[in-house]
Structures are given as C-alpha cells and as structure tokens.
Amino acid sequence: AQNILVIKTVSGMAMAVAAALDAMEYEEIVGSIAGDDTIMCA
C-alpha cells in the first residue's frame, strides 16, 4: 500500500518472520511492526 509492505504470515509467526526479515537486512526497509499474523514494513 504505497510505501508500506504488508506481509501475512501463519498465525503466531509474524514476530519470528519479522526478525528473520530484519536479519536479512534489506536496506529499503526503514522499520517493521509485527502482530500475530501480519507484518507492516515502512
């Protein structure tokens, strides 16, 4: 949605997937917020 990346995950996995995404160090991503099954990346 514009410059917001929205990733849907298996229930309960959003934080782990966001941590993995952070570890991959995509320089385009400014920051991420994870809930239960959704990650939003600026």
PDB file of all heavy atoms in Angstrom:
ATOM      1  N   ALA A   1       0.886  -1.153   0.000  1.00  0.00           N
ATOM      2  CA  ALA A   1       0.000   0.000   0.000  1.00  0.00           C
ATOM      3  C   ALA A   1       0.930   1.212   0.000  1.00  0.00           C
ATOM      4  O   ALA A   1       1.504   1.546   1.032  1.00  0.00           O
ATOM      5  CB  ALA A   1      -0.901   0.000   1.224  1.00  0.00           C
ATOM      6  N   GLN A   2       1.143   1.792  -1.181  1.00  0.00           N
ATOM      7  CA  GLN A   2       2.120   2.868  -1.346  1.00  0.00           C
ATOM      8  C   GLN A   2       3.498   2.362  -0.908  1.00  0.00           C
ATOM      9  O   GLN A   2       3.968   1.392  -1.451  1.00  0.00           O
ATOM     10  CB  GLN A   2       1.693   4.128  -0.596  1.00  0.00           C
ATOM     11  CG  GLN A   2       0.378   4.726  -1.098  1.00  0.00           C
ATOM     12  CD  GLN A   2       0.462   5.257  -2.519  1.00  0.00           C
ATOM     13  OE1 GLN A   2       1.472   5.767  -2.952  1.00  0.00           O
ATOM     14  NE2 GLN A   2      -0.629   5.123  -3.261  1.00  0.00           N
ATOM     15  N   ASN A   3       4.099   3.007   0.096  1.00  0.00           N
ATOM     16  CA  ASN A   3       5.422   2.558   0.530  1.00  0.00           C
ATOM     17  C   ASN A   3       5.365   1.682   1.787  1.00  0.00           C
ATOM     18  O   ASN A   3       6.334   1.565   2.516  1.00  0.00           O
ATOM     19  CB  ASN A   3       6.354   3.758   0.773  1.00  0.00           C
ATOM     20  CG  ASN A   3       5.932   4.568   1.966  1.00  0.00           C
ATOM     21  OD1 ASN A   3       4.747   4.830   2.170  1.00  0.00           O
ATOM     22  ND2 ASN A   3       6.894   4.969   2.775  1.00  0.00           N
ATOM     23  N   ILE A   4       4.226   1.054   2.029  1.00  0.00           N
ATOM     24  CA  ILE A   4       4.070   0.123   3.148  1.00  0.00           C
ATOM     25  C   ILE A   4       3.991  -1.290   2.580  1.00  0.00           C
ATOM     26  O   ILE A   4       3.146  -1.590   1.729  1.00  0.00           O
ATOM     27  CB  ILE A   4       2.796   0.409   3.972  1.00  0.00           C
ATOM     28  CG1 ILE A   4       2.780   1.845   4.492  1.00  0.00           C
ATOM     29  CG2 ILE A   4       2.647  -0.612   5.102  1.00  0.00           C
ATOM     30  CD1 ILE A   4       3.822   2.158   5.537  1.00  0.00           C
ATOM     31  N   LEU A   5       4.888  -2.144   3.050  1.00  0.00           N
ATOM     32  CA  LEU A   5       4.900  -3.546   2.667  1.00  0.00           C
ATOM     33  C   LEU A   5       4.087  -4.296   3.713  1.00  0.00           C
ATOM     34  O   LEU A   5       4.317  -4.108   4.918  1.00  0.00           O
ATOM     35  CB  LEU A   5       6.349  -4.044   2.659  1.00  0.00           C
ATOM     36  CG  LEU A   5       6.619  -5.462   2.230  1.00  0.00           C
ATOM     37  CD1 LEU A   5       6.341  -5.609   0.736  1.00  0.00           C
ATOM     38  CD2 LEU A   5       8.075  -5.802   2.501  1.00  0.00           C
ATOM     39  N   VAL A   6       3.112  -5.104   3.293  1.00  0.00           N
ATOM     40  CA  VAL A   6       2.270  -5.859   4.215  1.00  0.00           C
ATOM     41  C   VAL A   6       2.491  -7.343   3.943  1.00  0.00           C
ATOM     42  O   VAL A   6       2.217  -7.825   2.844  1.00  0.00           O
ATOM     43  CB  VAL A   6       0.773  -5.502   4.053  1.00  0.00           C
ATOM     44  CG1 VAL A   6      -0.080  -6.313   5.023  1.00  0.00           C
ATOM     45  CG2 VAL A   6       0.552  -4.012   4.260  1.00  0.00           C
ATOM     46  N   ILE A   7       3.011  -8.039   4.944  1.00  0.00           N
ATOM     47  CA  ILE A   7       3.284  -9.470   4.816  1.00  0.00           C
ATOM     48  C   ILE A   7       2.349 -10.211   5.756  1.00  0.00           C
ATOM     49  O   ILE A   7       2.293  -9.922   6.950  1.00  0.00           O
ATOM     50  CB  ILE A   7       4.754  -9.787   5.177  1.00  0.00           C
ATOM     51  CG1 ILE A   7       5.694  -9.010   4.252  1.00  0.00           C
ATOM     52  CG2 ILE A   7       5.014 -11.287   5.097  1.00  0.00           C
ATOM     53  CD1 ILE A   7       7.143  -9.041   4.688  1.00  0.00           C
ATOM     54  N   LYS A   8       1.604 -11.167   5.212  1.00  0.00           N
ATOM     55  CA  LYS A   8       0.733 -12.030   6.019  1.00  0.00           C
ATOM     56  C   LYS A   8       1.510 -13.312   6.314  1.00  0.00           C
ATOM     57  O   LYS A   8       2.197 -13.844   5.447  1.00  0.00           O
ATOM     58  CB  LYS A   8      -0.560 -12.380   5.265  1.00  0.00           C
ATOM     59  CG  LYS A   8      -1.491 -11.202   5.066  1.00  0.00           C
ATOM     60  CD  LYS A   8      -2.111 -10.801   6.381  1.00  0.00           C
ATOM     61  CE  LYS A   8      -3.214  -9.795   6.183  1.00  0.00           C
ATOM     62  NZ  LYS A   8      -3.853  -9.476   7.448  1.00  0.00           N
ATOM     63  N   THR A   9       1.389 -13.791   7.553  1.00  0.00           N
ATOM     64  CA  THR A   9       2.095 -14.997   7.965  1.00  0.00           C
ATOM     65  C   THR A   9       1.127 -16.010   8.563  1.00  0.00           C
ATOM     66  O   THR A   9      -0.034 -15.694   8.818  1.00  0.00           O
ATOM     67  CB  THR A   9       3.165 -14.684   9.041  1.00  0.00           C
ATOM     68  OG1 THR A   9       2.506 -14.332  10.263  1.00  0.00           O
ATOM     69  CG2 THR A   9       4.110 -13.574   8.599  1.00  0.00           C
ATOM     70  N   VAL A  10       1.654 -17.185   8.820  1.00  0.00           N
ATOM     71  CA  VAL A  10       0.928 -18.189   9.575  1.00  0.00           C
ATOM     72  C   VAL A  10       0.666 -17.586  10.957  1.00  0.00           C
ATOM     73  O   VAL A  10       1.514 -16.851  11.479  1.00  0.00           O
ATOM     74  CB  VAL A  10       1.790 -19.474   9.692  1.00  0.00           C
ATOM     75  CG1 VAL A  10       1.140 -20.498  10.602  1.00  0.00           C
ATOM     76  CG2 VAL A  10       2.078 -20.049   8.314  1.00  0.00           C
ATOM     77  N   SER A  11      -0.469 -17.876  11.547  1.00  0.00           N
ATOM     78  CA  SER A  11      -0.822 -17.332  12.852  1.00  0.00           C
ATOM     79  C   SER A  11       0.279 -17.600  13.877  1.00  0.00           C
ATOM     80  O   SER A  11       0.786 -18.710  13.987  1.00  0.00           O
ATOM     81  CB  SER A  11      -2.139 -17.959  13.334  1.00  0.00           C
ATOM     82  OG  SER A  11      -2.509 -17.388  14.563  1.00  0.00           O
ATOM     83  N   GLY A  12       0.678 -16.542  14.592  1.00  0.00           N
ATOM     84  CA  GLY A  12       1.704 -16.664  15.623  1.00  0.00           C
ATOM     85  C   GLY A  12       3.132 -16.544  15.126  1.00  0.00           C
ATOM     86  O   GLY A  12       4.071 -16.583  15.914  1.00  0.00           O
ATOM     87  N   MET A  13       3.333 -16.394  13.821  1.00  0.00           N
ATOM     88  CA  MET A  13       4.694 -16.381  13.266  1.00  0.00           C
ATOM     89  C   MET A  13       5.180 -14.995  12.841  1.00  0.00           C
ATOM     90  O   MET A  13       6.318 -14.851  12.412  1.00  0.00           O
ATOM     91  CB  MET A  13       4.769 -17.320  12.057  1.00  0.00           C
ATOM     92  CG  MET A  13       4.755 -18.788  12.387  1.00  0.00           C
ATOM     93  SD  MET A  13       6.299 -19.347  13.116  1.00  0.00           S
ATOM     94  CE  MET A  13       7.394 -19.259  11.706  1.00  0.00           C
ATOM     95  N   ALA A  14       4.351 -13.974  12.950  1.00  0.00           N
ATOM     96  CA  ALA A  14       4.737 -12.656  12.425  1.00  0.00           C
ATOM     97  C   ALA A  14       6.020 -12.121  13.063  1.00  0.00           C
ATOM     98  O   ALA A  14       6.891 -11.611  12.362  1.00  0.00           O
ATOM     99  CB  ALA A  14       3.592 -11.658  12.580  1.00  0.00           C
ATOM    100  N   MET A  15       6.162 -12.239  14.382  1.00  0.00           N
ATOM    101  CA  MET A  15       7.361 -11.695  15.025  1.00  0.00           C
ATOM    102  C   MET A  15       8.619 -12.427  14.580  1.00  0.00           C
ATOM    103  O   MET A  15       9.649 -11.803  14.338  1.00  0.00           O
ATOM    104  CB  MET A  15       7.230 -11.744  16.541  1.00  0.00           C
ATOM    105  CG  MET A  15       6.371 -10.637  17.074  1.00  0.00           C
ATOM    106  SD  MET A  15       6.594 -10.503  18.845  1.00  0.00           S
ATOM    107  CE  MET A  15       5.091  -9.656  19.247  1.00  0.00           C
ATOM    108  N   ALA A  16       8.535 -13.748  14.461  1.00  0.00           N
ATOM    109  CA  ALA A  16       9.699 -14.526  14.028  1.00  0.00           C
ATOM    110  C   ALA A  16      10.049 -14.207  12.575  1.00  0.00           C
ATOM    111  O   ALA A  16      11.230 -14.046  12.232  1.00  0.00           O
ATOM    112  CB  ALA A  16       9.428 -16.019  14.186  1.00  0.00           C
ATOM    113  N   VAL A  17       9.037 -14.079  11.722  1.00  0.00           N
ATOM    114  CA  VAL A  17       9.282 -13.751  10.317  1.00  0.00           C
ATOM    115  C   VAL A  17       9.860 -12.334  10.215  1.00  0.00           C
ATOM    116  O   VAL A  17      10.788 -12.086   9.444  1.00  0.00           O
ATOM    117  CB  VAL A  17       7.995 -13.907   9.469  1.00  0.00           C
ATOM    118  CG1 VAL A  17       8.188 -13.361   8.071  1.00  0.00           C
ATOM    119  CG2 VAL A  17       7.593 -15.386   9.404  1.00  0.00           C
ATOM    120  N   ALA A  18       9.337 -11.398  11.017  1.00  0.00           N
ATOM    121  CA  ALA A  18       9.874 -10.028  11.018  1.00  0.00           C
ATOM    122  C   ALA A  18      11.326 -10.016  11.490  1.00  0.00           C
ATOM    123  O   ALA A  18      12.165  -9.307  10.921  1.00  0.00           O
ATOM    124  CB  ALA A  18       9.013  -9.116  11.891  1.00  0.00           C
ATOM    125  N   ALA A  19      11.639 -10.823  12.514  1.00  0.00           N
ATOM    126  CA  ALA A  19      13.027 -10.912  12.999  1.00  0.00           C
ATOM    127  C   ALA A  19      13.931 -11.475  11.901  1.00  0.00           C
ATOM    128  O   ALA A  19      15.049 -10.988  11.696  1.00  0.00           O
ATOM    129  CB  ALA A  19      13.100 -11.784  14.252  1.00  0.00           C
ATOM    130  N   ALA A  20      13.440 -12.477  11.173  1.00  0.00           N
ATOM    131  CA  ALA A  20      14.210 -13.053  10.065  1.00  0.00           C
ATOM    132  C   ALA A  20      14.406 -12.007   8.968  1.00  0.00           C
ATOM    133  O   ALA A  20      15.499 -11.862   8.414  1.00  0.00           O
ATOM    134  CB  ALA A  20      13.513 -14.295   9.519  1.00  0.00           C
ATOM    135  N   LEU A  21      13.348 -11.270   8.662  1.00  0.00           N
ATOM    136  CA  LEU A  21      13.418 -10.219   7.636  1.00  0.00           C
ATOM    137  C   LEU A  21      14.431  -9.141   8.053  1.00  0.00           C
ATOM    138  O   LEU A  21      15.239  -8.700   7.228  1.00  0.00           O
ATOM    139  CB  LEU A  21      12.023  -9.611   7.446  1.00  0.00           C
ATOM    140  CG  LEU A  21      11.757  -8.775   6.214  1.00  0.00           C
ATOM    141  CD1 LEU A  21      11.961  -9.585   4.943  1.00  0.00           C
ATOM    142  CD2 LEU A  21      10.339  -8.225   6.253  1.00  0.00           C
ATOM    143  N   ASP A  22      14.396  -8.757   9.324  1.00  0.00           N
ATOM    144  CA  ASP A  22      15.377  -7.791   9.837  1.00  0.00           C
ATOM    145  C   ASP A  22      16.801  -8.315   9.678  1.00  0.00           C
ATOM    146  O   ASP A  22      17.708  -7.576   9.306  1.00  0.00           O
ATOM    147  CB  ASP A  22      15.121  -7.469  11.316  1.00  0.00           C
ATOM    148  CG  ASP A  22      13.909  -6.573  11.537  1.00  0.00           C
ATOM    149  OD1 ASP A  22      13.420  -5.968  10.554  1.00  0.00           O
ATOM    150  OD2 ASP A  22      13.465  -6.487  12.694  1.00  0.00           O
ATOM    151  N   ALA A  23      16.986  -9.598   9.959  1.00  0.00           N
ATOM    152  CA  ALA A  23      18.322 -10.204   9.861  1.00  0.00           C
ATOM    153  C   ALA A  23      18.828 -10.237   8.415  1.00  0.00           C
ATOM    154  O   ALA A  23      20.028 -10.220   8.177  1.00  0.00           O
ATOM    155  CB  ALA A  23      18.300 -11.617  10.440  1.00  0.00           C
ATOM    156  N   MET A  24      17.892 -10.257   7.461  1.00  0.00           N
ATOM    157  CA  MET A  24      18.280 -10.250   6.044  1.00  0.00           C
ATOM    158  C   MET A  24      18.736  -8.866   5.588  1.00  0.00           C
ATOM    159  O   MET A  24      19.290  -8.715   4.508  1.00  0.00           O
ATOM    160  CB  MET A  24      17.143 -10.780   5.177  1.00  0.00           C
ATOM    161  CG  MET A  24      16.928 -12.277   5.337  1.00  0.00           C
ATOM    162  SD  MET A  24      15.711 -12.902   4.172  1.00  0.00           S
ATOM    163  CE  MET A  24      14.362 -13.264   5.278  1.00  0.00           C
ATOM    164  N   GLU A  25      18.497  -7.866   6.421  1.00  0.00           N
ATOM    165  CA  GLU A  25      18.996  -6.510   6.227  1.00  0.00           C
ATOM    166  C   GLU A  25      18.699  -5.896   4.857  1.00  0.00           C
ATOM    167  O   GLU A  25      19.595  -5.444   4.157  1.00  0.00           O
ATOM    168  CB  GLU A  25      20.511  -6.464   6.499  1.00  0.00           C
ATOM    169  CG  GLU A  25      20.863  -6.805   7.916  1.00  0.00           C
ATOM    170  CD  GLU A  25      22.355  -6.805   8.183  1.00  0.00           C
ATOM    171  OE1 GLU A  25      23.161  -6.721   7.230  1.00  0.00           O
ATOM    172  OE2 GLU A  25      22.720  -6.898   9.363  1.00  0.00           O
ATOM    173  N   TYR A  26      17.435  -5.879   4.486  1.00  0.00           N
ATOM    174  CA  TYR A  26      17.035  -5.182   3.260  1.00  0.00           C
ATOM    175  C   TYR A  26      17.161  -3.685   3.529  1.00  0.00           C
ATOM    176  O   TYR A  26      16.457  -3.143   4.383  1.00  0.00           O
ATOM    177  CB  TYR A  26      15.595  -5.527   2.878  1.00  0.00           C
ATOM    178  CG  TYR A  26      15.441  -6.927   2.338  1.00  0.00           C
ATOM    179  CD1 TYR A  26      14.849  -7.929   3.090  1.00  0.00           C
ATOM    180  CD2 TYR A  26      15.888  -7.236   1.048  1.00  0.00           C
ATOM    181  CE1 TYR A  26      14.703  -9.216   2.589  1.00  0.00           C
ATOM    182  CE2 TYR A  26      15.750  -8.511   0.538  1.00  0.00           C
ATOM    183  CZ  TYR A  26      15.164  -9.497   1.315  1.00  0.00           C
ATOM    184  OH  TYR A  26      15.031 -10.760   0.806  1.00  0.00           O
ATOM    185  N   GLU A  27      18.047  -3.014   2.814  1.00  0.00           N
ATOM    186  CA  GLU A  27      18.274  -1.589   3.095  1.00  0.00           C
ATOM    187  C   GLU A  27      17.076  -0.726   2.727  1.00  0.00           C
ATOM    188  O   GLU A  27      16.956   0.402   3.207  1.00  0.00           O
ATOM    189  CB  GLU A  27      19.534  -1.093   2.401  1.00  0.00           C
ATOM    190  CG  GLU A  27      19.543  -1.261   0.905  1.00  0.00           C
ATOM    191  CD  GLU A  27      20.895  -0.897   0.290  1.00  0.00           C
ATOM    192  OE1 GLU A  27      21.919  -1.265   0.870  1.00  0.00           O
ATOM    193  OE2 GLU A  27      20.884  -0.247  -0.754  1.00  0.00           O
ATOM    194  N   GLU A  28      16.162  -1.241   1.916  1.00  0.00           N
ATOM    195  CA  GLU A  28      14.955  -0.479   1.554  1.00  0.00           C
ATOM    196  C   GLU A  28      13.987  -0.352   2.731  1.00  0.00           C
ATOM    197  O   GLU A  28      13.180   0.559   2.788  1.00  0.00           O
ATOM    198  CB  GLU A  28      14.191  -1.160   0.400  1.00  0.00           C
ATOM    199  CG  GLU A  28      14.980  -1.366  -0.865  1.00  0.00           C
ATOM    200  CD  GLU A  28      15.691  -2.716  -0.939  1.00  0.00           C
ATOM    201  OE1 GLU A  28      15.912  -3.358   0.107  1.00  0.00           O
ATOM    202  OE2 GLU A  28      16.019  -3.139  -2.050  1.00  0.00           O
ATOM    203  N   ILE A  29      14.056  -1.304   3.681  1.00  0.00           N
ATOM    204  CA  ILE A  29      13.127  -1.312   4.817  1.00  0.00           C
ATOM    205  C   ILE A  29      13.662  -0.397   5.922  1.00  0.00           C
ATOM    206  O   ILE A  29      14.755  -0.588   6.429  1.00  0.00           O
ATOM    207  CB  ILE A  29      12.912  -2.743   5.351  1.00  0.00           C
ATOM    208  CG1 ILE A  29      12.275  -3.624   4.264  1.00  0.00           C
ATOM    209  CG2 ILE A  29      12.035  -2.716   6.607  1.00  0.00           C
ATOM    210  CD1 ILE A  29      12.115  -5.080   4.663  1.00  0.00           C
ATOM    211  N   VAL A  30      12.847   0.584   6.280  1.00  0.00           N
ATOM    212  CA  VAL A  30      13.217   1.531   7.331  1.00  0.00           C
ATOM    213  C   VAL A  30      12.920   0.940   8.705  1.00  0.00           C
ATOM    214  O   VAL A  30      13.685   1.110   9.645  1.00  0.00           O
ATOM    215  CB  VAL A  30      12.460   2.874   7.146  1.00  0.00           C
ATOM    216  CG1 VAL A  30      12.820   3.842   8.250  1.00  0.00           C
ATOM    217  CG2 VAL A  30      12.742   3.467   5.781  1.00  0.00           C
ATOM    218  N   GLY A  31      11.800   0.217   8.812  1.00  0.00           N
ATOM    219  CA  GLY A  31      11.415  -0.398  10.077  1.00  0.00           C
ATOM    220  C   GLY A  31      10.216  -1.300   9.887  1.00  0.00           C
ATOM    221  O   GLY A  31       9.518  -1.201   8.878  1.00  0.00           O
ATOM    222  N   SER A  32       9.994  -2.194  10.851  1.00  0.00           N
ATOM    223  CA  SER A  32       8.905  -3.165  10.774  1.00  0.00           C
ATOM    224  C   SER A  32       8.136  -3.219  12.082  1.00  0.00           C
ATOM    225  O   SER A  32       8.708  -3.006  13.146  1.00  0.00           O
ATOM    226  CB  SER A  32       9.454  -4.572  10.503  1.00  0.00           C
ATOM    227  OG  SER A  32      10.258  -4.598   9.364  1.00  0.00           O
ATOM    228  N   ILE A  33       6.850  -3.546  11.965  1.00  0.00           N
ATOM    229  CA  ILE A  33       5.993  -3.787  13.125  1.00  0.00           C
ATOM    230  C   ILE A  33       5.299  -5.114  12.875  1.00  0.00           C
ATOM    231  O   ILE A  33       4.752  -5.337  11.788  1.00  0.00           O
ATOM    232  CB  ILE A  33       4.937  -2.676  13.291  1.00  0.00           C
ATOM    233  CG1 ILE A  33       5.606  -1.325  13.518  1.00  0.00           C
ATOM    234  CG2 ILE A  33       3.991  -3.018  14.446  1.00  0.00           C
ATOM    235  CD1 ILE A  33       4.642  -0.161  13.516  1.00  0.00           C
ATOM    236  N   ALA A  34       5.328  -6.007  13.876  1.00  0.00           N
ATOM    237  CA  ALA A  34       4.714  -7.328  13.717  1.00  0.00           C
ATOM    238  C   ALA A  34       3.623  -7.535  14.757  1.00  0.00           C
ATOM    239  O   ALA A  34       3.793  -7.182  15.923  1.00  0.00           O
ATOM    240  CB  ALA A  34       5.772  -8.412  13.858  1.00  0.00           C
ATOM    241  N   GLY A  35       2.521  -8.114  14.301  1.00  0.00           N
ATOM    242  CA  GLY A  35       1.451  -8.524  15.208  1.00  0.00           C
ATOM    243  C   GLY A  35       1.469 -10.028  15.320  1.00  0.00           C
ATOM    244  O   GLY A  35       2.539 -10.635  15.415  1.00  0.00           O
ATOM    245  N   ASP A  36       0.305 -10.655  15.273  1.00  0.00           N
ATOM    246  CA  ASP A  36       0.212 -12.114  15.359  1.00  0.00           C
ATOM    247  C   ASP A  36       0.458 -12.766  14.005  1.00  0.00           C
ATOM    248  O   ASP A  36       1.218 -13.719  13.902  1.00  0.00           O
ATOM    249  CB  ASP A  36      -1.173 -12.516  15.881  1.00  0.00           C
ATOM    250  CG  ASP A  36      -1.321 -14.026  15.974  1.00  0.00           C
ATOM    251  OD1 ASP A  36      -0.551 -14.636  16.745  1.00  0.00           O
ATOM    252  OD2 ASP A  36      -2.172 -14.596  15.256  1.00  0.00           O
ATOM    253  N   ASP A  37      -0.201 -12.228  12.959  1.00  0.00           N
ATOM    254  CA  ASP A  37      -0.067 -12.841  11.629  1.00  0.00           C
ATOM    255  C   ASP A  37       0.151 -11.802  10.524  1.00  0.00           C
ATOM    256  O   ASP A  37       0.005 -12.112   9.349  1.00  0.00           O
ATOM    257  CB  ASP A  37      -1.291 -13.700  11.307  1.00  0.00           C
ATOM    258  CG  ASP A  37      -2.569 -12.881  11.179  1.00  0.00           C
ATOM    259  OD1 ASP A  37      -2.542 -11.660  11.452  1.00  0.00           O
ATOM    260  OD2 ASP A  37      -3.595 -13.462  10.797  1.00  0.00           O
ATOM    261  N   THR A  38       0.522 -10.591  10.905  1.00  0.00           N
ATOM    262  CA  THR A  38       0.738  -9.531   9.920  1.00  0.00           C
ATOM    263  C   THR A  38       1.970  -8.711  10.294  1.00  0.00           C
ATOM    264  O   THR A  38       2.178  -8.395  11.461  1.00  0.00           O
ATOM    265  CB  THR A  38      -0.482  -8.588   9.850  1.00  0.00           C
ATOM    266  OG1 THR A  38      -1.652  -9.369   9.576  1.00  0.00           O
ATOM    267  CG2 THR A  38      -0.311  -7.543   8.756  1.00  0.00           C
ATOM    268  N   ILE A  39       2.759  -8.388   9.264  1.00  0.00           N
ATOM    269  CA  ILE A  39       3.924  -7.528   9.436  1.00  0.00           C
ATOM    270  C   ILE A  39       3.724  -6.324   8.531  1.00  0.00           C
ATOM    271  O   ILE A  39       3.358  -6.483   7.365  1.00  0.00           O
ATOM    272  CB  ILE A  39       5.227  -8.247   9.018  1.00  0.00           C
ATOM    273  CG1 ILE A  39       5.405  -9.547   9.794  1.00  0.00           C
ATOM    274  CG2 ILE A  39       6.437  -7.322   9.210  1.00  0.00           C
ATOM    275  CD1 ILE A  39       6.420 -10.476   9.184  1.00  0.00           C
ATOM    276  N   MET A  40       3.968  -5.138   9.056  1.00  0.00           N
ATOM    277  CA  MET A  40       3.944  -3.927   8.238  1.00  0.00           C
ATOM    278  C   MET A  40       5.338  -3.347   8.242  1.00  0.00           C
ATOM    279  O   MET A  40       5.908  -3.118   9.310  1.00  0.00           O
ATOM    280  CB  MET A  40       2.926  -2.928   8.772  1.00  0.00           C
ATOM    281  CG  MET A  40       1.499  -3.435   8.656  1.00  0.00           C
ATOM    282  SD  MET A  40       0.287  -2.254   9.242  1.00  0.00           S
ATOM    283  CE  MET A  40       0.422  -1.006   7.973  1.00  0.00           C
ATOM    284  N   CYS A  41       5.895  -3.127   7.055  1.00  0.00           N
ATOM    285  CA  CYS A  41       7.235  -2.564   6.923  1.00  0.00           C
ATOM    286  C   CYS A  41       7.145  -1.216   6.228  1.00  0.00           C
ATOM    287  O   CYS A  41       6.548  -1.115   5.156  1.00  0.00           O
ATOM    288  CB  CYS A  41       8.134  -3.475   6.086  1.00  0.00           C
ATOM    289  SG  CYS A  41       8.302  -5.152   6.706  1.00  0.00           S
ATOM    290  N   ALA A  42       7.749  -0.210   6.835  1.00  0.00           N
ATOM    291  CA  ALA A  42       7.864   1.097   6.182  1.00  0.00           C
ATOM    292  C   ALA A  42       9.062   0.998   5.239  1.00  0.00           C
ATOM    293  O   ALA A  42      10.162   0.640   5.654  1.00  0.00           O
ATOM    294  CB  ALA A  42       8.085   2.189   7.213  1.00  0.00           C
TER     295      ALA A  42
END
